[in-house]
Every structure is written in structure tokens, then in C-alpha cells.
Amino acid sequence: MAGTAPIAERGGTAAPGDVYAQAVRCLDIAEQALHEAGAALADVVRTRVMLTDIRQWKQAARAHAERFAQVRPATTFIEVTRFVDPQWLVEFEVDAIIPD
């Protein structure tokens, strides 16, 4: 799944200014989408973490490690200039192999 952004449950941006909380929200969204597709975090083989400020990578990595400590997918951290919404500080892409 691509472009999992920190969108709050009722719209708008979740946790403005907080990379960690935005990363958690992105992963909540990704996990829900995986469940809807019949998969789980354990099926994830690769993630991409895009940040507007790469110096904040440890905050995003903390959220990532909390979800993927047992899975350990291949992971890339990338700095980008900006996202569609300027309040978004992080987005995730998640690749999974969905079981039959």
C-alpha cells in the first residue's frame, strides 16, 4: 500500500508537529488496510518511510520498531521535500505478501 499518510480518524492531520505520533497513525491505517485485505503486519516484507526532515528518523523508527520488532521487514528511510498536506511530516509505504 502506498502513501499511508497521518490522516486523523475524522479527517485533517493527526498529531500536527509530532513525527512519532504521525508515524503511529500511519501504521494504524496500514495495519487496518492489511486486515481488510486478509493480511497482518507479519505478512509485511518491505516498508518505506518518507520524512520531510530526515533528522527526525529516530522518531519514525521508534514507531516502526514497535510494530515490526518480530517481523523485521526490509526498510528504507527517505527524505522528501513535502507532501500534499504541509502538516504531514511522515508517510509510510508497506509491501506485504498476502496469504491465499
C-alpha atoms as a PDB file:
ATOM      1  CA  MET A   1       0.000   0.000   0.000  1.00  0.00           C
ATOM      2  CA  ALA A   2       1.314   3.396  -0.902  1.00  0.00           C
ATOM      3  CA  GLY A   3       1.109   6.823   0.640  1.00  0.00           C
ATOM      4  CA  THR A   4      -0.213   5.918   4.072  1.00  0.00           C
ATOM      5  CA  ALA A   5      -0.440   9.428   5.493  1.00  0.00           C
ATOM      6  CA  PRO A   6      -1.189  10.649   9.035  1.00  0.00           C
ATOM      7  CA  ILE A   7      -4.856  11.363   8.456  1.00  0.00           C
ATOM      8  CA  ALA A   8      -6.906  11.686  11.629  1.00  0.00           C
ATOM      9  CA  GLU A   9      -9.934   9.435  12.054  1.00  0.00           C
ATOM     10  CA  ARG A  10     -12.302  12.352  11.477  1.00  0.00           C
ATOM     11  CA  GLY A  11     -10.198  13.950   8.735  1.00  0.00           C
ATOM     12  CA  GLY A  12      -7.445  16.502   8.864  1.00  0.00           C
ATOM     13  CA  THR A  13      -3.944  15.792  10.082  1.00  0.00           C
ATOM     14  CA  ALA A  14      -3.280  13.599  13.096  1.00  0.00           C
ATOM     15  CA  ALA A  15      -0.842  14.984  15.688  1.00  0.00           C
ATOM     16  CA  PRO A  16       0.468  18.090  13.893  1.00  0.00           C
ATOM     17  CA  GLY A  17       4.149  18.635  14.619  1.00  0.00           C
ATOM     18  CA  ASP A  18       4.728  15.183  16.166  1.00  0.00           C
ATOM     19  CA  VAL A  19       6.638  12.762  13.916  1.00  0.00           C
ATOM     20  CA  TYR A  20       6.282   9.818  16.290  1.00  0.00           C
ATOM     21  CA  ALA A  21       2.508  10.194  16.717  1.00  0.00           C
ATOM     22  CA  GLN A  22       2.048  10.705  12.981  1.00  0.00           C
ATOM     23  CA  ALA A  23       4.090   7.565  12.306  1.00  0.00           C
ATOM     24  CA  VAL A  24       1.923   5.619  14.748  1.00  0.00           C
ATOM     25  CA  ARG A  25      -1.203   6.865  12.950  1.00  0.00           C
ATOM     26  CA  CYS A  26       0.230   5.892   9.555  1.00  0.00           C
ATOM     27  CA  LEU A  27       0.929   2.407  10.855  1.00  0.00           C
ATOM     28  CA  ASP A  28      -2.557   2.159  12.380  1.00  0.00           C
ATOM     29  CA  ILE A  29      -4.001   2.911   8.941  1.00  0.00           C
ATOM     30  CA  ALA A  30      -1.669   0.439   7.231  1.00  0.00           C
ATOM     31  CA  GLU A  31      -2.478  -2.291   9.742  1.00  0.00           C
ATOM     32  CA  GLN A  32      -6.222  -1.773   9.264  1.00  0.00           C
ATOM     33  CA  ALA A  33      -5.845  -1.940   5.468  1.00  0.00           C
ATOM     34  CA  LEU A  34      -3.831  -5.142   5.797  1.00  0.00           C
ATOM     35  CA  HIS A  35      -6.548  -6.704   7.974  1.00  0.00           C
ATOM     36  CA  GLU A  36      -9.206  -5.701   5.443  1.00  0.00           C
ATOM     37  CA  ALA A  37      -7.147  -7.451   2.742  1.00  0.00           C
ATOM     38  CA  GLY A  38      -6.839 -10.612   4.824  1.00  0.00           C
ATOM     39  CA  ALA A  39      -3.264  -9.963   5.932  1.00  0.00           C
ATOM     40  CA  ALA A  40      -1.395  -8.827   9.037  1.00  0.00           C
ATOM     41  CA  LEU A  41       1.784  -6.999   9.945  1.00  0.00           C
ATOM     42  CA  ALA A  42       3.510 -10.393   9.971  1.00  0.00           C
ATOM     43  CA  ASP A  43       2.969 -10.521   6.188  1.00  0.00           C
ATOM     44  CA  VAL A  44       4.901  -7.281   5.564  1.00  0.00           C
ATOM     45  CA  VAL A  45       8.183  -7.785   3.704  1.00  0.00           C
ATOM     46  CA  ARG A  46       9.204  -4.176   2.974  1.00  0.00           C
ATOM     47  CA  THR A  47       8.480  -0.690   4.268  1.00  0.00           C
ATOM     48  CA  ARG A  48       9.456   2.759   3.078  1.00  0.00           C
ATOM     49  CA  VAL A  49       9.390   5.650   5.500  1.00  0.00           C
ATOM     50  CA  MET A  50       9.318   9.099   3.936  1.00  0.00           C
ATOM     51  CA  LEU A  51      10.082  12.115   6.107  1.00  0.00           C
ATOM     52  CA  THR A  52      10.174  15.834   5.381  1.00  0.00           C
ATOM     53  CA  ASP A  53      13.073  16.127   7.861  1.00  0.00           C
ATOM     54  CA  ILE A  54      15.391  13.117   7.860  1.00  0.00           C
ATOM     55  CA  ARG A  55      16.866  14.317  11.163  1.00  0.00           C
ATOM     56  CA  GLN A  56      13.612  13.078  12.740  1.00  0.00           C
ATOM     57  CA  TRP A  57      14.168   9.498  11.559  1.00  0.00           C
ATOM     58  CA  LYS A  58      14.591   8.142  15.098  1.00  0.00           C
ATOM     59  CA  GLN A  59      11.020   9.135  15.983  1.00  0.00           C
ATOM     60  CA  ALA A  60       9.609   7.330  12.950  1.00  0.00           C
ATOM     61  CA  ALA A  61      11.946   4.385  13.564  1.00  0.00           C
ATOM     62  CA  ARG A  62      10.667   4.062  17.137  1.00  0.00           C
ATOM     63  CA  ALA A  63       7.083   3.676  15.905  1.00  0.00           C
ATOM     64  CA  HIS A  64       8.253   1.278  13.180  1.00  0.00           C
ATOM     65  CA  ALA A  65      10.189  -0.857  15.671  1.00  0.00           C
ATOM     66  CA  GLU A  66       7.191  -1.091  17.989  1.00  0.00           C
ATOM     67  CA  ARG A  67       5.110  -2.659  15.217  1.00  0.00           C
ATOM     68  CA  PHE A  68       7.748  -4.674  13.383  1.00  0.00           C
ATOM     69  CA  ALA A  69      10.093  -5.916  16.128  1.00  0.00           C
ATOM     70  CA  GLN A  70       9.170  -9.542  15.362  1.00  0.00           C
ATOM     71  CA  VAL A  71       8.753  -9.151  11.591  1.00  0.00           C
ATOM     72  CA  ARG A  72      11.839  -7.124  10.611  1.00  0.00           C
ATOM     73  CA  PRO A  73      10.907  -6.179   7.028  1.00  0.00           C
ATOM     74  CA  ALA A  74      13.439  -4.570   4.703  1.00  0.00           C
ATOM     75  CA  THR A  75      13.149  -0.850   5.389  1.00  0.00           C
ATOM     76  CA  THR A  76      14.253   2.358   3.719  1.00  0.00           C
ATOM     77  CA  PHE A  77      14.105   5.867   5.175  1.00  0.00           C
ATOM     78  CA  ILE A  78      13.843   8.659   2.601  1.00  0.00           C
ATOM     79  CA  GLU A  79      13.749  12.429   2.901  1.00  0.00           C
ATOM     80  CA  VAL A  80      11.225  14.204   0.687  1.00  0.00           C
ATOM     81  CA  THR A  81      10.654  17.890   0.052  1.00  0.00           C
ATOM     82  CA  ARG A  82       6.988  17.893   1.065  1.00  0.00           C
ATOM     83  CA  PHE A  83       3.703  16.032   0.986  1.00  0.00           C
ATOM     84  CA  VAL A  84       0.265  17.019  -0.328  1.00  0.00           C
ATOM     85  CA  ASP A  85      -0.606  18.403   3.109  1.00  0.00           C
ATOM     86  CA  PRO A  86       2.200  20.570   4.551  1.00  0.00           C
ATOM     87  CA  GLN A  87       1.322  19.379   8.089  1.00  0.00           C
ATOM     88  CA  TRP A  88       2.230  15.799   7.215  1.00  0.00           C
ATOM     89  CA  LEU A  89       5.739  15.020   8.442  1.00  0.00           C
ATOM     90  CA  VAL A  90       5.865  11.321   7.571  1.00  0.00           C
ATOM     91  CA  GLU A  91       4.251   8.798   5.234  1.00  0.00           C
ATOM     92  CA  PHE A  92       4.686   5.032   5.001  1.00  0.00           C
ATOM     93  CA  GLU A  93       4.574   2.559   2.141  1.00  0.00           C
ATOM     94  CA  VAL A  94       4.057  -1.063   3.118  1.00  0.00           C
ATOM     95  CA  ASP A  95       4.551  -4.112   0.893  1.00  0.00           C
ATOM     96  CA  ALA A  96       3.059  -7.395   2.054  1.00  0.00           C
ATOM     97  CA  ILE A  97       2.668 -10.863   0.650  1.00  0.00           C
ATOM     98  CA  ILE A  98      -0.949 -11.715   1.314  1.00  0.00           C
ATOM     99  CA  PRO A  99      -1.633 -15.371   2.040  1.00  0.00           C
ATOM    100  CA  ASP A 100      -4.176 -17.270  -0.088  1.00  0.00           C
END
